[in-house]
C-alpha atoms as a PDB file:
ATOM      1  CA  MET A   1      92.153 100.729 141.835  1.00  0.00           C
ATOM      2  CA  ALA A   2      94.830 101.041 139.229  1.00  0.00           C
ATOM      3  CA  ILE A   3      96.977  98.330 137.387  1.00  0.00           C
ATOM      4  CA  HIS A   4      99.204  96.255 139.967  1.00  0.00           C
ATOM      5  CA  PRO A   5     102.647  96.883 139.481  1.00  0.00           C
ATOM      6  CA  GLU A   6     103.400  93.286 139.411  1.00  0.00           C
ATOM      7  CA  LEU A   7     101.531  93.099 135.877  1.00  0.00           C
ATOM      8  CA  LEU A   8     102.667  96.232 134.524  1.00  0.00           C
ATOM      9  CA  GLU A   9     106.432  94.355 135.137  1.00  0.00           C
ATOM     10  CA  ILE A  10     105.238  90.986 132.616  1.00  0.00           C
ATOM     11  CA  LEU A  11     103.365  93.646 129.814  1.00  0.00           C
ATOM     12  CA  ALA A  12     104.389  94.285 126.607  1.00  0.00           C
ATOM     13  CA  CYS A  13     103.751  95.612 123.304  1.00  0.00           C
ATOM     14  CA  PRO A  14     102.620  92.397 121.059  1.00  0.00           C
ATOM     15  CA  VAL A  15     104.201  94.006 118.164  1.00  0.00           C
ATOM     16  CA  CYS A  16     107.620  94.986 119.498  1.00  0.00           C
ATOM     17  CA  LYS A  17     108.150  93.376 122.707  1.00  0.00           C
ATOM     18  CA  THR A  18     108.935  96.384 124.647  1.00  0.00           C
ATOM     19  CA  PRO A  19     107.784  96.790 128.004  1.00  0.00           C
ATOM     20  CA  VAL A  20     105.470  98.886 127.804  1.00  0.00           C
ATOM     21  CA  THR A  21     104.406 102.201 130.655  1.00  0.00           C
ATOM     22  CA  LEU A  22     101.972 103.734 132.187  1.00  0.00           C
ATOM     23  CA  VAL A  23     101.148 107.024 130.595  1.00  0.00           C
ATOM     24  CA  LYS A  24     100.554 110.471 133.401  1.00  0.00           C
ATOM     25  CA  ASP A  25      97.008 110.067 133.478  1.00  0.00           C
ATOM     26  CA  GLY A  26      96.378 105.922 134.102  1.00  0.00           C
ATOM     27  CA  ALA A  27      94.254 106.111 130.949  1.00  0.00           C
ATOM     28  CA  GLY A  28      96.548 104.191 128.507  1.00  0.00           C
ATOM     29  CA  LEU A  29     100.025 101.649 128.305  1.00  0.00           C
ATOM     30  CA  ARG A  30     102.771 103.705 126.052  1.00  0.00           C
ATOM     31  CA  CYS A  31     105.536 101.386 124.291  1.00  0.00           C
ATOM     32  CA  ALA A  32     108.702 103.884 124.147  1.00  0.00           C
ATOM     33  CA  GLN A  33     109.739 101.528 120.769  1.00  0.00           C
ATOM     34  CA  CYS A  34     107.200 101.603 118.361  1.00  0.00           C
ATOM     35  CA  HIS A  35     105.317 104.699 119.745  1.00  0.00           C
ATOM     36  CA  ARG A  36     102.252 102.877 120.386  1.00  0.00           C
ATOM     37  CA  VAL A  37      99.450 103.879 122.965  1.00  0.00           C
ATOM     38  CA  TYR A  38      96.846 100.423 124.295  1.00  0.00           C
ATOM     39  CA  PRO A  39      94.029 101.831 126.053  1.00  0.00           C
ATOM     40  CA  VAL A  40      93.396 100.708 129.609  1.00  0.00           C
ATOM     41  CA  ARG A  41      89.718 100.479 130.199  1.00  0.00           C
ATOM     42  CA  ASP A  42      87.872  99.738 133.489  1.00  0.00           C
ATOM     43  CA  ASP A  43      91.111  99.100 134.364  1.00  0.00           C
ATOM     44  CA  ILE A  44      92.242  96.257 131.849  1.00  0.00           C
ATOM     45  CA  PRO A  45      95.028  97.425 129.487  1.00  0.00           C
ATOM     46  CA  ILE A  46      93.832  96.357 125.860  1.00  0.00           C
ATOM     47  CA  MET A  47      96.028  95.133 124.515  1.00  0.00           C
ATOM     48  CA  LEU A  48      95.345  94.500 120.529  1.00  0.00           C
ATOM     49  CA  PRO A  49      97.143  96.591 118.124  1.00  0.00           C
ATOM     50  CA  GLU A  50      94.073  97.059 116.326  1.00  0.00           C
ATOM     51  CA  GLU A  51      92.636  99.501 119.266  1.00  0.00           C
ATOM     52  CA  ALA A  52      95.874 100.973 119.801  1.00  0.00           C
ATOM     53  CA  SER A  53      96.904 104.938 118.501  1.00  0.00           C
ATOM     54  CA  VAL A  54     100.547 105.693 117.095  1.00  0.00           C
ATOM     55  CA  GLU A  55     101.552 108.675 118.776  1.00  0.00           C
ATOM     56  CA  ALA A  56     104.310 110.970 117.030  1.00  0.00           C
END
């Protein structure tokens, strides 16, 4: 089961408030503004800044 599309519409990066998008493999949500990738575990997005990794 994937993240529901309606949930994706309302999720935003907690740091910069930019909408997030699902990464290709569905294992995370990426913020285009600050380049953080928030993990998705058991189909639950973990939207905590300390859990995110930062991509270059």
